[in-house]
Amino acid sequence: MKFAIVLTKGVVFGCVGAGLLAAAGCANDGPVVPTSPSASSAVAGLTPTPGIQTASAQSAAPSVAARSGELHVTKDCIENTGQAGSFCRITSSNVEAIEVGSRIIYAVAPGATALDSDIVLDIPGPGNNKAFGHCRLEFETLSGLCTFSGGTGKFTHFKATAKVSHLGATNWAWNGTYSFSPRD
């Protein structure tokens, strides 16, 4: 028997038993259609509780913790001094795990024609949530590539590849793909 608890604004909503898990969608395996009369009557007997989204409302809402997809991030490098340990700040992100205000810290100073550095994506707040990667940026074209492969905390199984482009002044964009695996 599986047991799941979902906390929503201090309200505890428990789903007990495989039949209720399938009916309420707590298994998060997508829409489930009851296949027996007893399952149908169990679903028909459920009444929505105020303040709690039903399974149909949850499936209609976009996923806030997608495990893979397109990556679109902007960053501002106004605080970057050009020295090893300098950083840029994330100003927008379509990936929930990459929070606005996160820092991208560069391990080495840029060379004469390019930046070729290991990087750490450091998320603000408590916890040890860091993604590890590498960026190469060509100064002549103001374009490059950043890749991530793993990290700590919520970035343990993170992978991403993003093209770097200049947006003007000290602002840059990363556009590519990301994934968190294994899927859970």
Protein backbone atom coordinates (compact mmCIF):
# COMPACT_ATOMS: atom_id res chain seq x y z
CA MET A 1 0.00 0.00 0.00
CA LYS A 2 1.39 3.41 -0.95
CA PHE A 3 0.92 6.48 1.25
CA ALA A 4 1.46 10.09 0.17
CA ILE A 5 0.96 13.38 1.97
CA VAL A 6 0.72 16.72 0.21
CA LEU A 7 0.89 19.91 2.30
CA THR A 8 -0.96 22.88 0.85
CA LYS A 9 -1.12 26.04 3.00
CA GLY A 10 -1.11 24.05 6.21
CA VAL A 11 -3.79 21.60 5.06
CA VAL A 12 -2.81 17.94 5.01
CA PHE A 13 -4.32 15.93 2.19
CA GLY A 14 -3.62 12.22 2.41
CA CYS A 15 -4.17 9.63 -0.24
CA VAL A 16 -4.25 6.10 1.11
CA GLY A 17 -4.45 2.94 -0.94
CA ALA A 18 -3.68 2.27 -4.58
CA GLY A 19 -7.28 2.95 -5.69
CA LEU A 20 -7.35 6.43 -4.18
CA LEU A 21 -3.84 7.16 -5.47
CA ALA A 22 -4.98 6.42 -9.00
CA ALA A 23 -8.27 8.29 -8.56
CA ALA A 24 -6.76 11.42 -7.05
CA GLY A 25 -3.67 11.44 -9.27
CA CYS A 26 -1.17 11.41 -6.40
CA ALA A 27 0.97 8.89 -8.27
CA ASN A 28 1.80 11.68 -10.76
CA ASP A 29 1.75 9.24 -13.67
CA GLY A 30 -0.65 11.37 -15.71
CA PRO A 31 -4.42 11.01 -16.09
CA VAL A 32 -5.88 7.77 -14.76
CA VAL A 33 -9.22 6.36 -15.87
CA PRO A 34 -11.03 4.14 -13.35
CA THR A 35 -11.50 0.66 -14.79
CA SER A 36 -13.89 -0.96 -12.34
CA PRO A 37 -17.31 0.01 -10.96
CA SER A 38 -15.86 0.16 -7.44
CA ALA A 39 -13.16 2.58 -8.59
CA SER A 40 -15.78 4.73 -10.34
CA SER A 41 -17.94 4.88 -7.23
CA ALA A 42 -14.87 5.75 -5.12
CA VAL A 43 -14.13 8.67 -7.45
CA ALA A 44 -17.78 9.78 -7.49
CA GLY A 45 -17.81 9.84 -3.67
CA LEU A 46 -14.87 12.26 -3.40
CA THR A 47 -15.78 15.85 -2.62
CA PRO A 48 -13.33 18.70 -3.28
CA THR A 49 -12.01 20.41 -0.15
CA PRO A 50 -11.73 24.22 -0.30
CA GLY A 51 -8.11 25.36 -0.82
CA ILE A 52 -6.96 22.05 -2.31
CA GLN A 53 -6.55 21.56 -6.05
CA THR A 54 -8.20 18.44 -7.41
CA ALA A 55 -6.30 16.11 -9.73
CA SER A 56 -8.00 17.61 -12.80
CA ALA A 57 -7.04 21.14 -11.73
CA GLN A 58 -3.47 20.03 -11.10
CA SER A 59 -3.15 18.37 -14.49
CA ALA A 60 -4.47 21.50 -16.21
CA ALA A 61 -1.85 23.69 -14.50
CA PRO A 62 1.69 23.77 -15.97
CA SER A 63 4.30 21.76 -14.11
CA VAL A 64 6.32 23.96 -11.77
CA ALA A 65 9.10 21.43 -11.44
CA ALA A 66 9.64 20.14 -14.96
CA ARG A 67 12.41 17.55 -15.20
CA SER A 68 13.62 18.59 -18.68
CA GLY A 69 12.97 21.10 -21.41
CA GLU A 70 14.14 24.34 -22.92
CA LEU A 71 16.44 26.59 -20.92
CA HIS A 72 16.10 30.38 -21.15
CA VAL A 73 18.17 32.40 -18.68
CA THR A 74 19.38 36.00 -18.65
CA LYS A 75 22.19 37.30 -16.49
CA ASP A 76 23.74 40.66 -15.67
CA CYS A 77 27.52 40.83 -15.28
CA ILE A 78 27.79 44.37 -13.93
CA GLU A 79 29.36 43.00 -10.70
CA ASN A 80 31.96 40.94 -12.60
CA THR A 81 35.45 42.34 -11.97
CA GLY A 82 37.20 40.16 -14.56
CA GLN A 83 39.18 38.34 -11.89
CA ALA A 84 39.05 34.67 -10.85
CA GLY A 85 36.07 34.26 -8.52
CA SER A 86 34.07 37.04 -10.23
CA PHE A 87 30.41 36.44 -10.87
CA CYS A 88 27.30 37.42 -12.81
CA ARG A 89 23.73 37.32 -11.42
CA ILE A 90 20.72 35.56 -12.91
CA THR A 91 18.03 38.13 -13.74
CA SER A 92 15.45 35.77 -15.27
CA SER A 93 15.00 32.03 -15.65
CA ASN A 94 12.31 29.72 -16.95
CA VAL A 95 13.65 26.85 -14.79
CA GLU A 96 12.29 26.94 -11.24
CA ALA A 97 15.50 25.49 -9.74
CA ILE A 98 17.59 28.34 -11.22
CA GLU A 99 16.41 31.21 -9.07
CA VAL A 100 16.65 34.90 -9.91
CA GLY A 101 19.57 36.27 -7.90
CA SER A 102 21.65 33.11 -8.31
CA ARG A 103 25.34 33.75 -9.01
CA ILE A 104 27.46 32.26 -11.80
CA ILE A 105 30.97 32.22 -10.39
CA TYR A 106 33.93 31.99 -12.80
CA ALA A 107 36.99 30.00 -11.66
CA VAL A 108 39.52 31.88 -13.80
CA ALA A 109 39.98 35.34 -15.27
CA PRO A 110 39.30 35.75 -18.99
CA GLY A 111 42.15 35.55 -21.48
CA ALA A 112 42.95 38.07 -24.22
CA THR A 113 40.51 36.62 -26.79
CA ALA A 114 38.17 34.37 -24.83
CA LEU A 115 36.78 33.33 -21.50
CA ASP A 116 37.36 29.61 -20.96
CA SER A 117 36.42 28.80 -17.38
CA ASP A 118 34.84 26.27 -15.09
CA ILE A 119 31.78 27.79 -13.42
CA VAL A 120 29.57 27.25 -10.40
CA LEU A 121 25.89 28.18 -10.41
CA ASP A 122 25.26 29.11 -6.76
CA ILE A 123 21.63 29.41 -5.64
CA PRO A 124 20.81 31.97 -2.91
CA GLY A 125 19.46 30.87 0.45
CA PRO A 126 20.14 27.94 2.74
CA GLY A 127 21.35 24.56 1.56
CA ASN A 128 24.14 23.29 -0.61
CA ASN A 129 22.53 23.69 -4.05
CA LYS A 130 25.19 24.25 -6.69
CA ALA A 131 25.51 23.24 -10.34
CA PHE A 132 28.94 22.69 -11.88
CA GLY A 133 29.82 23.50 -15.46
CA HIS A 134 32.11 25.11 -17.99
CA CYS A 135 31.72 28.16 -20.25
CA ARG A 136 33.66 29.29 -23.28
CA LEU A 137 32.95 32.76 -24.67
CA GLU A 138 34.66 34.18 -27.76
CA PHE A 139 35.13 37.94 -27.42
CA GLU A 140 35.27 38.53 -31.19
CA THR A 141 31.76 37.14 -31.75
CA LEU A 142 30.37 37.75 -28.23
CA SER A 143 28.97 34.22 -28.31
CA GLY A 144 29.81 30.96 -26.67
CA LEU A 145 28.65 27.76 -25.04
CA CYS A 146 28.04 26.76 -21.41
CA THR A 147 27.53 23.18 -20.27
CA PHE A 148 26.55 21.81 -16.86
CA SER A 149 26.96 18.28 -15.59
CA GLY A 150 25.85 17.64 -12.05
CA GLY A 151 26.26 19.45 -8.80
CA THR A 152 25.07 19.26 -5.22
CA GLY A 153 21.66 19.30 -3.56
CA LYS A 154 18.88 19.77 -6.09
CA PHE A 155 21.48 19.92 -8.89
CA THR A 156 22.99 16.47 -8.24
CA HIS A 157 21.64 15.06 -11.53
CA PHE A 158 21.43 18.34 -13.48
CA LYS A 159 22.62 18.59 -17.09
CA ALA A 160 22.35 21.58 -19.41
CA THR A 161 23.78 22.95 -22.62
CA ALA A 162 23.21 26.59 -23.52
CA LYS A 163 24.39 28.93 -26.23
CA VAL A 164 25.58 32.25 -24.85
CA SER A 165 24.62 35.48 -26.60
CA HIS A 166 25.16 39.14 -25.78
CA LEU A 167 22.02 41.20 -25.13
CA GLY A 168 23.74 44.55 -24.74
CA ALA A 169 25.65 46.39 -22.01
CA THR A 170 26.41 43.83 -19.26
CA ASN A 171 23.48 41.54 -20.05
CA TRP A 172 23.77 38.04 -21.53
CA ALA A 173 21.44 35.18 -22.42
CA TRP A 174 21.67 31.41 -22.17
CA ASN A 175 19.37 29.46 -24.49
CA GLY A 176 19.44 25.68 -24.73
CA THR A 177 18.14 22.58 -22.99
CA TYR A 178 18.29 21.10 -19.50
CA SER A 179 17.40 17.90 -17.68
CA PHE A 180 17.32 16.47 -14.19
CA SER A 181 17.74 12.70 -14.05
CA PRO A 182 17.09 10.14 -12.87
CA ARG A 183 13.43 11.05 -13.00
CA ASP A 184 11.68 10.68 -9.70
